[in-house]
Amino acid sequence: MELKLELVTEGLKYPEGPVAMADGSIVLVEIAAKTVSRITPDGRRTVVADVGGGPNGAAIGPDGALYICNNGGAFEFFEQGGLLIPGPTPASHNGGLIQRLDLATGAFTTLYDSCEGRRLIGPNDIVFDKQGGMWFTDHGCSTPEGRKFGALYYARIDGSHIVRARDHIISPNGVGLSPDEKTVYAADTNLGRLWAFDIESPGVLGPAPGFAPGRVICNLPGYQLLDSLAVEAGGKVCVATIINGGITAFDADGSTEHYAVPDVIVTNICFGGADMQDAWITASGTGKLYKCRWPRPGLKLNYNG
């Protein structure tokens, strides 16, 4: 199926983390600009806050604030062939953080920058469960000697609890919950793989299956990179796909379908609208935000602004 894409706005500095707000606007991050921005339906952009570092993923929490996975400036950006491309981690990078942003005032604070004495490396994407806790991925980062592996975390918004739920994952990126919240999904960028982790109780994973950190839903063929994601009401997991630019919808049985978007660096999708079939897609290489009608309704998130 071909998506009928409507260009909402362009000129964004590597947009990511779109959140469909109740008023029809989209709040998103611009990683290369280090800002959180609001895009109105007519395409006008206003900066909500300059949060520094590299704001990467965002979600509304139970208190109505925006929670941000900030990678701490884990990418050097360069232009090539008309695209803005994230490159290696600069030597100045010393870790990332989880931030809380008051959308009304633009005031922000750091909620977490470490777990059990270890610095967060590059927090990437975030989703809230019904209990008001956050699952988030740490993408890790590159070094001249190789990768620092990432992890899957769970934390509370009052700053009292953060746990590394699953460690030593190569490059976890997008994260989402199944409709029944018995599974947390994480997309591994470098492997082109969608992982599923069984949830034993809120914020607690069940035992890992054998030597693997989780269950493999699917490995994409060839060289395709996975980025952030959103879940459909029916349970399909829609993951932004790089190189093969677009959105790949994964079913629980491992089957997939691909929806093309005219950018090789497509990074995220979110759902909204009265019937949850409006979708917004960030085309980050070209700095554009698209809107379209999705063939199926998206899963309504637990919290919205």
C-alpha atoms as a PDB file:
ATOM      1  CA  MET A   1       0.000   0.000   0.000  1.00  0.00           C
ATOM      2  CA  GLU A   2       1.260   3.467  -0.869  1.00  0.00           C
ATOM      3  CA  LEU A   3       0.955   6.197   1.736  1.00  0.00           C
ATOM      4  CA  LYS A   4      -0.546   9.532   0.658  1.00  0.00           C
ATOM      5  CA  LEU A   5       1.888  11.845   2.400  1.00  0.00           C
ATOM      6  CA  GLU A   6       1.112  15.463   3.253  1.00  0.00           C
ATOM      7  CA  LEU A   7       4.119  17.679   3.991  1.00  0.00           C
ATOM      8  CA  VAL A   8       3.395  19.457   7.287  1.00  0.00           C
ATOM      9  CA  THR A   9       6.652  21.395   7.576  1.00  0.00           C
ATOM     10  CA  GLU A  10      10.295  21.330   6.530  1.00  0.00           C
ATOM     11  CA  GLY A  11      13.587  22.947   7.495  1.00  0.00           C
ATOM     12  CA  LEU A  12      13.792  20.982  10.759  1.00  0.00           C
ATOM     13  CA  LYS A  13      17.196  20.028  12.181  1.00  0.00           C
ATOM     14  CA  TYR A  14      16.916  16.238  12.348  1.00  0.00           C
ATOM     15  CA  PRO A  15      13.399  15.869  13.814  1.00  0.00           C
ATOM     16  CA  GLU A  16      12.593  12.907  16.059  1.00  0.00           C
ATOM     17  CA  GLY A  17      10.325  11.916  18.947  1.00  0.00           C
ATOM     18  CA  PRO A  18       6.980  13.221  17.592  1.00  0.00           C
ATOM     19  CA  VAL A  19       4.093  13.392  20.069  1.00  0.00           C
ATOM     20  CA  ALA A  20       0.551  13.992  18.786  1.00  0.00           C
ATOM     21  CA  MET A  21      -1.039  16.483  21.178  1.00  0.00           C
ATOM     22  CA  ALA A  22      -4.735  16.811  21.975  1.00  0.00           C
ATOM     23  CA  ASP A  23      -4.865  20.281  20.379  1.00  0.00           C
ATOM     24  CA  GLY A  24      -3.757  18.902  16.998  1.00  0.00           C
ATOM     25  CA  SER A  25      -0.173  20.114  17.240  1.00  0.00           C
ATOM     26  CA  ILE A  26       2.903  17.908  17.187  1.00  0.00           C
ATOM     27  CA  VAL A  27       5.620  18.302  19.789  1.00  0.00           C
ATOM     28  CA  LEU A  28       8.941  16.914  18.587  1.00  0.00           C
ATOM     29  CA  VAL A  29      12.658  17.172  19.210  1.00  0.00           C
ATOM     30  CA  GLU A  30      15.243  18.504  16.785  1.00  0.00           C
ATOM     31  CA  ILE A  31      18.361  16.575  17.682  1.00  0.00           C
ATOM     32  CA  ALA A  32      20.855  18.672  15.728  1.00  0.00           C
ATOM     33  CA  ALA A  33      19.323  21.943  17.023  1.00  0.00           C
ATOM     34  CA  LYS A  34      19.172  20.632  20.629  1.00  0.00           C
ATOM     35  CA  THR A  35      15.586  21.860  20.934  1.00  0.00           C
ATOM     36  CA  VAL A  36      12.036  20.750  21.655  1.00  0.00           C
ATOM     37  CA  SER A  37       9.662  22.331  19.124  1.00  0.00           C
ATOM     38  CA  ARG A  38       5.910  22.522  18.585  1.00  0.00           C
ATOM     39  CA  ILE A  39       4.486  22.249  15.051  1.00  0.00           C
ATOM     40  CA  THR A  40       0.945  23.534  14.552  1.00  0.00           C
ATOM     41  CA  PRO A  41      -1.338  21.909  11.942  1.00  0.00           C
ATOM     42  CA  ASP A  42      -0.563  24.724   9.476  1.00  0.00           C
ATOM     43  CA  GLY A  43       3.164  23.914   9.713  1.00  0.00           C
ATOM     44  CA  ARG A  44       4.299  26.791  11.941  1.00  0.00           C
ATOM     45  CA  ARG A  45       7.212  25.924  14.241  1.00  0.00           C
ATOM     46  CA  THR A  46       7.887  27.406  17.660  1.00  0.00           C
ATOM     47  CA  VAL A  47      10.720  26.434  19.990  1.00  0.00           C
ATOM     48  CA  VAL A  48       9.476  25.257  23.390  1.00  0.00           C
ATOM     49  CA  ALA A  49      12.924  24.879  24.962  1.00  0.00           C
ATOM     50  CA  ASP A  50      16.601  24.538  24.150  1.00  0.00           C
ATOM     51  CA  VAL A  51      17.444  21.515  26.291  1.00  0.00           C
ATOM     52  CA  GLY A  52      21.053  21.096  25.108  1.00  0.00           C
ATOM     53  CA  GLY A  53      22.868  17.840  24.366  1.00  0.00           C
ATOM     54  CA  GLY A  54      20.902  15.732  21.898  1.00  0.00           C
ATOM     55  CA  PRO A  55      17.170  15.372  22.647  1.00  0.00           C
ATOM     56  CA  ASN A  56      16.239  12.093  20.971  1.00  0.00           C
ATOM     57  CA  GLY A  57      12.937  10.600  22.161  1.00  0.00           C
ATOM     58  CA  ALA A  58       9.977  12.128  24.001  1.00  0.00           C
ATOM     59  CA  ALA A  59       6.707  11.148  25.658  1.00  0.00           C
ATOM     60  CA  ILE A  60       4.042  12.755  27.827  1.00  0.00           C
ATOM     61  CA  GLY A  61       4.087  11.407  31.390  1.00  0.00           C
ATOM     62  CA  PRO A  62       1.242  10.968  33.886  1.00  0.00           C
ATOM     63  CA  ASP A  63       1.785  14.509  35.238  1.00  0.00           C
ATOM     64  CA  GLY A  64       1.373  16.111  31.797  1.00  0.00           C
ATOM     65  CA  ALA A  65       5.071  16.974  31.474  1.00  0.00           C
ATOM     66  CA  LEU A  66       7.223  15.927  28.527  1.00  0.00           C
ATOM     67  CA  TYR A  67       9.928  13.400  29.377  1.00  0.00           C
ATOM     68  CA  ILE A  68      12.952  13.452  27.102  1.00  0.00           C
ATOM     69  CA  CYS A  69      15.616  10.876  26.330  1.00  0.00           C
ATOM     70  CA  ASN A  70      18.651  13.102  25.768  1.00  0.00           C
ATOM     71  CA  ASN A  71      21.669  11.333  24.244  1.00  0.00           C
ATOM     72  CA  GLY A  72      23.986  14.067  25.516  1.00  0.00           C
ATOM     73  CA  GLY A  73      25.193  14.987  22.036  1.00  0.00           C
ATOM     74  CA  ALA A  74      26.157  11.462  20.978  1.00  0.00           C
ATOM     75  CA  PHE A  75      26.324  12.273  17.243  1.00  0.00           C
ATOM     76  CA  GLU A  76      28.356  14.604  15.094  1.00  0.00           C
ATOM     77  CA  PHE A  77      26.149  15.745  12.216  1.00  0.00           C
ATOM     78  CA  PHE A  78      27.353  16.348   8.666  1.00  0.00           C
ATOM     79  CA  GLU A  79      25.697  17.163   5.352  1.00  0.00           C
ATOM     80  CA  GLN A  80      26.009  14.909   2.358  1.00  0.00           C
ATOM     81  CA  GLY A  81      23.995  14.950  -0.843  1.00  0.00           C
ATOM     82  CA  GLY A  82      21.388  17.258   0.635  1.00  0.00           C
ATOM     83  CA  LEU A  83      20.897  15.084   3.715  1.00  0.00           C
ATOM     84  CA  LEU A  84      21.752  15.790   7.344  1.00  0.00           C
ATOM     85  CA  ILE A  85      23.412  12.614   8.610  1.00  0.00           C
ATOM     86  CA  PRO A  86      24.339  11.588  12.176  1.00  0.00           C
ATOM     87  CA  GLY A  87      27.976  10.493  12.380  1.00  0.00           C
ATOM     88  CA  PRO A  88      30.431   9.337  15.040  1.00  0.00           C
ATOM     89  CA  THR A  89      30.247  10.235  18.712  1.00  0.00           C
ATOM     90  CA  PRO A  90      32.371  13.323  19.435  1.00  0.00           C
ATOM     91  CA  ALA A  91      35.200  13.099  21.954  1.00  0.00           C
ATOM     92  CA  SER A  92      33.397  15.680  24.109  1.00  0.00           C
ATOM     93  CA  HIS A  93      30.474  13.303  24.779  1.00  0.00           C
ATOM     94  CA  ASN A  94      30.343  12.148  28.393  1.00  0.00           C
ATOM     95  CA  GLY A  95      26.912  10.548  28.640  1.00  0.00           C
ATOM     96  CA  GLY A  96      23.197  11.249  28.381  1.00  0.00           C
ATOM     97  CA  LEU A  97      20.229  11.887  30.637  1.00  0.00           C
ATOM     98  CA  ILE A  98      16.483  11.772  31.175  1.00  0.00           C
ATOM     99  CA  GLN A  99      14.902  15.226  31.357  1.00  0.00           C
ATOM    100  CA  ARG A 100      11.503  16.516  32.475  1.00  0.00           C
ATOM    101  CA  LEU A 101      10.135  19.507  30.538  1.00  0.00           C
ATOM    102  CA  ASP A 102       7.190  21.684  31.549  1.00  0.00           C
ATOM    103  CA  LEU A 103       5.615  22.446  28.164  1.00  0.00           C
ATOM    104  CA  ALA A 104       3.765  25.501  29.514  1.00  0.00           C
ATOM    105  CA  THR A 105       6.842  27.291  30.859  1.00  0.00           C
ATOM    106  CA  GLY A 106       9.743  25.682  28.968  1.00  0.00           C
ATOM    107  CA  ALA A 107      11.469  24.917  32.280  1.00  0.00           C
ATOM    108  CA  PHE A 108      13.339  21.607  32.368  1.00  0.00           C
ATOM    109  CA  THR A 109      15.236  19.541  34.906  1.00  0.00           C
ATOM    110  CA  THR A 110      17.432  16.436  34.869  1.00  0.00           C
ATOM    111  CA  LEU A 111      15.668  13.413  36.343  1.00  0.00           C
ATOM    112  CA  TYR A 112      18.332  10.729  35.819  1.00  0.00           C
ATOM    113  CA  ASP A 113      21.868  10.663  34.453  1.00  0.00           C
ATOM    114  CA  SER A 114      23.047   7.343  35.911  1.00  0.00           C
ATOM    115  CA  CYS A 115      21.853   3.960  37.146  1.00  0.00           C
ATOM    116  CA  GLU A 116      23.495   1.962  39.926  1.00  0.00           C
ATOM    117  CA  GLY A 117      26.606   4.106  39.693  1.00  0.00           C
ATOM    118  CA  ARG A 118      26.959   3.792  35.915  1.00  0.00           C
ATOM    119  CA  ARG A 119      26.473   6.817  33.704  1.00  0.00           C
ATOM    120  CA  LEU A 120      23.697   6.644  31.108  1.00  0.00           C
ATOM    121  CA  ILE A 121      25.337   6.608  27.667  1.00  0.00           C
ATOM    122  CA  GLY A 122      22.803   7.714  25.064  1.00  0.00           C
ATOM    123  CA  PRO A 123      19.118   7.524  26.109  1.00  0.00           C
ATOM    124  CA  ASN A 124      17.074   7.206  22.944  1.00  0.00           C
ATOM    125  CA  ASP A 125      13.344   6.412  23.119  1.00  0.00           C
ATOM    126  CA  ILE A 126      10.648   6.205  25.798  1.00  0.00           C
ATOM    127  CA  VAL A 127       7.155   4.874  26.518  1.00  0.00           C
ATOM    128  CA  PHE A 128       4.964   5.026  29.646  1.00  0.00           C
ATOM    129  CA  ASP A 129       3.003   2.098  31.071  1.00  0.00           C
ATOM    130  CA  LYS A 130      -0.398   2.250  32.782  1.00  0.00           C
ATOM    131  CA  GLN A 131       1.298   2.500  36.175  1.00  0.00           C
ATOM    132  CA  GLY A 132       3.012   5.733  35.133  1.00  0.00           C
ATOM    133  CA  GLY A 133       6.490   4.238  34.894  1.00  0.00           C
ATOM    134  CA  MET A 134       8.768   4.688  31.886  1.00  0.00           C
ATOM    135  CA  TRP A 135      10.504   2.110  29.770  1.00  0.00           C
ATOM    136  CA  PHE A 136      13.391   3.665  27.872  1.00  0.00           C
ATOM    137  CA  THR A 137      16.263   2.533  25.701  1.00  0.00           C
ATOM    138  CA  ASP A 138      19.878   3.580  25.913  1.00  0.00           C
ATOM    139  CA  HIS A 139      21.316   3.313  22.416  1.00  0.00           C
ATOM    140  CA  GLY A 140      24.933   3.236  23.577  1.00  0.00           C
ATOM    141  CA  CYS A 141      27.414   5.083  21.371  1.00  0.00           C
ATOM    142  CA  SER A 142      30.387   4.642  19.086  1.00  0.00           C
ATOM    143  CA  THR A 143      34.016   5.030  20.155  1.00  0.00           C
ATOM    144  CA  PRO A 144      37.254   4.804  18.153  1.00  0.00           C
ATOM    145  CA  GLU A 145      37.709   1.323  19.655  1.00  0.00           C
ATOM    146  CA  GLY A 146      34.156   0.103  18.946  1.00  0.00           C
ATOM    147  CA  ARG A 147      30.636   0.384  20.370  1.00  0.00           C
ATOM    148  CA  LYS A 148      29.561   0.922  23.925  1.00  0.00           C
ATOM    149  CA  PHE A 149      26.555  -1.396  24.079  1.00  0.00           C
ATOM    150  CA  GLY A 150      23.125  -0.151  25.108  1.00  0.00           C
ATOM    151  CA  ALA A 151      20.417  -1.353  27.477  1.00  0.00           C
ATOM    152  CA  LEU A 152      16.701  -1.322  28.303  1.00  0.00           C
ATOM    153  CA  TYR A 153      15.700   0.579  31.456  1.00  0.00           C
ATOM    154  CA  TYR A 154      12.649   1.134  33.644  1.00  0.00           C
ATOM    155  CA  ALA A 155      12.234   4.185  35.870  1.00  0.00           C
ATOM    156  CA  ARG A 156       9.710   6.203  37.862  1.00  0.00           C
ATOM    157  CA  ILE A 157       9.037   9.901  37.310  1.00  0.00           C
ATOM    158  CA  ASP A 158       9.655  10.926  40.942  1.00  0.00           C
ATOM    159  CA  GLY A 159      13.368  10.122  40.643  1.00  0.00           C
ATOM    160  CA  SER A 160      13.142   7.312  43.199  1.00  0.00           C
ATOM    161  CA  HIS A 161      13.729   4.256  41.019  1.00  0.00           C
ATOM    162  CA  ILE A 162      15.722   3.357  37.933  1.00  0.00           C
ATOM    163  CA  VAL A 163      16.744  -0.161  36.954  1.00  0.00           C
ATOM    164  CA  ARG A 164      18.697  -1.654  34.054  1.00  0.00           C
ATOM    165  CA  ALA A 165      16.155  -4.266  32.992  1.00  0.00           C
ATOM    166  CA  ARG A 166      18.284  -5.839  30.247  1.00  0.00           C
ATOM    167  CA  ASP A 167      21.932  -5.042  29.616  1.00  0.00           C
ATOM    168  CA  HIS A 168      24.436  -5.544  26.775  1.00  0.00           C
ATOM    169  CA  ILE A 169      22.146  -4.984  23.797  1.00  0.00           C
ATOM    170  CA  ILE A 170      24.050  -3.761  20.759  1.00  0.00           C
ATOM    171  CA  SER A 171      22.063  -0.676  19.749  1.00  0.00           C
ATOM    172  CA  PRO A 172      18.518  -0.537  21.203  1.00  0.00           C
ATOM    173  CA  ASN A 173      16.497   2.310  19.742  1.00  0.00           C
ATOM    174  CA  GLY A 174      12.688   2.436  19.427  1.00  0.00           C
ATOM    175  CA  VAL A 175      10.660   1.134  22.372  1.00  0.00           C
ATOM    176  CA  GLY A 176       6.956   0.374  22.743  1.00  0.00           C
ATOM    177  CA  LEU A 177       4.435  -1.674  24.704  1.00  0.00           C
ATOM    178  CA  SER A 178       1.995  -4.270  23.416  1.00  0.00           C
ATOM    179  CA  PRO A 179      -1.696  -3.371  23.892  1.00  0.00           C
ATOM    180  CA  ASP A 180      -1.963  -5.741  26.895  1.00  0.00           C
ATOM    181  CA  GLU A 181       1.350  -4.418  28.299  1.00  0.00           C
ATOM    182  CA  LYS A 182       2.696  -7.950  28.698  1.00  0.00           C
ATOM    183  CA  THR A 183       5.486  -7.266  26.192  1.00  0.00           C
ATOM    184  CA  VAL A 184       7.943  -4.434  25.695  1.00  0.00           C
ATOM    185  CA  TYR A 185       9.438  -4.152  22.214  1.00  0.00           C
ATOM    186  CA  ALA A 186      12.823  -2.690  21.332  1.00  0.00           C
ATOM    187  CA  ALA A 187      14.230  -2.153  17.852  1.00  0.00           C
ATOM    188  CA  ASP A 188      17.958  -2.808  17.470  1.00  0.00           C
ATOM    189  CA  THR A 189      19.330  -0.336  14.941  1.00  0.00           C
ATOM    190  CA  ASN A 190      22.529  -2.041  13.810  1.00  0.00           C
ATOM    191  CA  LEU A 191      21.037  -5.545  13.657  1.00  0.00           C
ATOM    192  CA  GLY A 192      17.842  -4.552  11.857  1.00  0.00           C
ATOM    193  CA  ARG A 193      16.113  -6.665  14.505  1.00  0.00           C
ATOM    194  CA  LEU A 194      12.919  -6.258  16.518  1.00  0.00           C
ATOM    195  CA  TRP A 195      13.222  -7.693  20.028  1.00  0.00           C
ATOM    196  CA  ALA A 196      10.339  -8.628  22.356  1.00  0.00           C
ATOM    197  CA  PHE A 197      10.817  -8.825  26.123  1.00  0.00           C
ATOM    198  CA  ASP A 198       8.202 -10.518  28.308  1.00  0.00           C
ATOM    199  CA  ILE A 199       7.022  -8.420  31.268  1.00  0.00           C
ATOM    200  CA  GLU A 200       6.588 -10.384  34.502  1.00  0.00           C
ATOM    201  CA  SER A 201       5.129  -7.502  36.534  1.00  0.00           C
ATOM    202  CA  PRO A 202       5.132  -3.708  36.080  1.00  0.00           C
ATOM    203  CA  GLY A 203       8.726  -2.641  35.447  1.00  0.00           C
ATOM    204  CA  VAL A 204      10.082  -6.186  35.781  1.00  0.00           C
ATOM    205  CA  LEU A 205      11.068  -8.475  32.912  1.00  0.00           C
ATOM    206  CA  GLY A 206      10.742 -12.228  32.977  1.00  0.00           C
ATOM    207  CA  PRO A 207      13.833 -14.407  32.610  1.00  0.00           C
ATOM    208  CA  ALA A 208      15.762 -14.094  29.355  1.00  0.00           C
ATOM    209  CA  PRO A 209      15.260 -17.048  26.965  1.00  0.00           C
ATOM    210  CA  GLY A 210      18.519 -18.986  26.994  1.00  0.00           C
ATOM    211  CA  PHE A 211      21.509 -17.017  25.744  1.00  0.00           C
ATOM    212  CA  ALA A 212      19.410 -14.309  24.033  1.00  0.00           C
ATOM    213  CA  PRO A 213      18.381 -11.108  25.820  1.00  0.00           C
ATOM    214  CA  GLY A 214      14.824 -11.458  24.502  1.00  0.00           C
ATOM    215  CA  ARG A 215      12.630 -13.018  21.826  1.00  0.00           C
ATOM    216  CA  VAL A 216      13.409 -12.220  18.192  1.00  0.00           C
ATOM    217  CA  ILE A 217      10.323 -11.090  16.280  1.00  0.00           C
ATOM    218  CA  CYS A 218      12.183 -10.597  12.999  1.00  0.00           C
ATOM    219  CA  ASN A 219      15.552  -9.743  11.471  1.00  0.00           C
ATOM    220  CA  LEU A 220      15.197  -7.587   8.362  1.00  0.00           C
ATOM    221  CA  PRO A 221      17.072  -8.896   5.304  1.00  0.00           C
ATOM    222  CA  GLY A 222      20.027  -7.117   3.756  1.00  0.00           C
ATOM    223  CA  TYR A 223      21.284  -3.840   5.171  1.00  0.00           C
ATOM    224  CA  GLN A 224      18.395  -2.030   6.846  1.00  0.00           C
ATOM    225  CA  LEU A 225      18.640  -0.040  10.078  1.00  0.00           C
ATOM    226  CA  LEU A 226      15.803   0.320  12.573  1.00  0.00           C
ATOM    227  CA  ASP A 227      14.993   3.476  14.487  1.00  0.00           C
ATOM    228  CA  SER A 228      12.052   4.533  16.681  1.00  0.00           C
ATOM    229  CA  LEU A 229       8.589   2.982  16.691  1.00  0.00           C
ATOM    230  CA  ALA A 230       4.900   3.118  17.536  1.00  0.00           C
ATOM    231  CA  VAL A 231       2.449   0.280  18.150  1.00  0.00           C
ATOM    232  CA  GLU A 232      -0.905  -0.221  16.446  1.00  0.00           C
ATOM    233  CA  ALA A 233      -4.112  -0.920  18.373  1.00  0.00           C
ATOM    234  CA  GLY A 234      -4.111  -4.421  16.870  1.00  0.00           C
ATOM    235  CA  GLY A 235      -0.558  -5.102  18.059  1.00  0.00           C
ATOM    236  CA  LYS A 236       1.551  -4.561  14.935  1.00  0.00           C
ATOM    237  CA  VAL A 237       4.793  -2.723  15.669  1.00  0.00           C
ATOM    238  CA  CYS A 238       5.577   0.090  13.213  1.00  0.00           C
ATOM    239  CA  VAL A 239       9.298   0.810  13.107  1.00  0.00           C
ATOM    240  CA  ALA A 240      10.967   3.657  11.230  1.00  0.00           C
ATOM    241  CA  THR A 241      13.476   2.200   8.800  1.00  0.00           C
ATOM    242  CA  ILE A 242      16.710   3.733   7.537  1.00  0.00           C
ATOM    243  CA  ILE A 243      18.390   2.969   4.169  1.00  0.00           C
ATOM    244  CA  ASN A 244      15.155   1.316   3.003  1.00  0.00           C
ATOM    245  CA  GLY A 245      13.488   4.589   3.940  1.00  0.00           C
ATOM    246  CA  GLY A 246       9.991   4.261   5.368  1.00  0.00           C
ATOM    247  CA  ILE A 247       8.018   2.428   8.033  1.00  0.00           C
ATOM    248  CA  THR A 248       8.181  -1.350   8.485  1.00  0.00           C
ATOM    249  CA  ALA A 249       5.145  -2.880  10.220  1.00  0.00           C
ATOM    250  CA  PHE A 250       6.036  -6.087  12.095  1.00  0.00           C
ATOM    251  CA  ASP A 251       3.449  -8.679  13.060  1.00  0.00           C
ATOM    252  CA  ALA A 252       3.920 -10.965  16.066  1.00  0.00           C
ATOM    253  CA  ASP A 253       4.543 -13.919  13.720  1.00  0.00           C
ATOM    254  CA  GLY A 254       7.541 -12.128  12.183  1.00  0.00           C
ATOM    255  CA  SER A 255       5.864 -11.124   8.927  1.00  0.00           C
ATOM    256  CA  THR A 256       6.413  -7.551   7.749  1.00  0.00           C
ATOM    257  CA  GLU A 257       5.087  -4.949   5.344  1.00  0.00           C
ATOM    258  CA  HIS A 258       6.946  -1.829   4.246  1.00  0.00           C
ATOM    259  CA  TYR A 259       5.562   1.662   3.600  1.00  0.00           C
ATOM    260  CA  ALA A 260       7.946   3.879   1.650  1.00  0.00           C
ATOM    261  CA  VAL A 261       8.727   7.487   2.606  1.00  0.00           C
ATOM    262  CA  PRO A 262      10.920   9.724   0.361  1.00  0.00           C
ATOM    263  CA  ASP A 263      13.919   9.943   2.710  1.00  0.00           C
ATOM    264  CA  VAL A 264      16.563   7.291   3.385  1.00  0.00           C
ATOM    265  CA  ILE A 265      16.669   8.402   7.044  1.00  0.00           C
ATOM    266  CA  VAL A 266      13.137   7.940   8.405  1.00  0.00           C
ATOM    267  CA  THR A 267      13.318   7.978  12.194  1.00  0.00           C
ATOM    268  CA  ASN A 268       9.898   7.848  13.858  1.00  0.00           C
ATOM    269  CA  ILE A 269       6.114   7.633  13.650  1.00  0.00           C
ATOM    270  CA  CYS A 270       3.309   8.569  16.023  1.00  0.00           C
ATOM    271  CA  PHE A 271      -0.465   8.156  15.878  1.00  0.00           C
ATOM    272  CA  GLY A 272      -3.320  10.501  16.760  1.00  0.00           C
ATOM    273  CA  GLY A 273      -6.611  11.970  15.611  1.00  0.00           C
ATOM    274  CA  ALA A 274     -10.158  11.027  16.595  1.00  0.00           C
ATOM    275  CA  ASP A 275      -9.848   7.514  15.159  1.00  0.00           C
ATOM    276  CA  MET A 276      -6.092   7.128  15.810  1.00  0.00           C
ATOM    277  CA  GLN A 277      -5.481   6.641  12.071  1.00  0.00           C
ATOM    278  CA  ASP A 278      -3.670   9.909  11.564  1.00  0.00           C
ATOM    279  CA  ALA A 279       0.072   9.262  11.475  1.00  0.00           C
ATOM    280  CA  TRP A 280       2.978  11.689  11.585  1.00  0.00           C
ATOM    281  CA  ILE A 281       6.375  10.578  10.290  1.00  0.00           C
ATOM    282  CA  THR A 282       9.741  12.266  10.828  1.00  0.00           C
ATOM    283  CA  ALA A 283      11.951  12.251   7.722  1.00  0.00           C
ATOM    284  CA  SER A 284      15.115  13.372   9.442  1.00  0.00           C
ATOM    285  CA  GLY A 285      17.664  13.381   6.640  1.00  0.00           C
ATOM    286  CA  THR A 286      15.637  15.974   4.718  1.00  0.00           C
ATOM    287  CA  GLY A 287      14.313  17.686   7.867  1.00  0.00           C
ATOM    288  CA  LYS A 288      10.626  17.136   7.114  1.00  0.00           C
ATOM    289  CA  LEU A 289       7.494  16.179   9.027  1.00  0.00           C
ATOM    290  CA  TYR A 290       4.839  14.302   7.062  1.00  0.00           C
ATOM    291  CA  LYS A 291       1.244  13.443   7.903  1.00  0.00           C
ATOM    292  CA  CYS A 292      -0.798  10.623   6.393  1.00  0.00           C
ATOM    293  CA  ARG A 293      -3.751   8.339   6.981  1.00  0.00           C
ATOM    294  CA  TRP A 294      -2.537   4.999   8.312  1.00  0.00           C
ATOM    295  CA  PRO A 295      -4.328   1.845   7.121  1.00  0.00           C
ATOM    296  CA  ARG A 296      -5.070   0.764  10.707  1.00  0.00           C
ATOM    297  CA  PRO A 297      -5.600   2.611  14.015  1.00  0.00           C
ATOM    298  CA  GLY A 298      -2.640   3.247  16.268  1.00  0.00           C
ATOM    299  CA  LEU A 299      -2.598   2.322  19.930  1.00  0.00           C
ATOM    300  CA  LYS A 300      -3.719   5.198  22.147  1.00  0.00           C
ATOM    301  CA  LEU A 301      -0.915   6.036  24.552  1.00  0.00           C
ATOM    302  CA  ASN A 302      -1.600   6.065  28.279  1.00  0.00           C
ATOM    303  CA  TYR A 303      -0.950   9.807  28.605  1.00  0.00           C
ATOM    304  CA  ASN A 304      -1.319  12.873  26.405  1.00  0.00           C
ATOM    305  CA  GLY A 305      -0.920  16.637  26.722  1.00  0.00           C
END
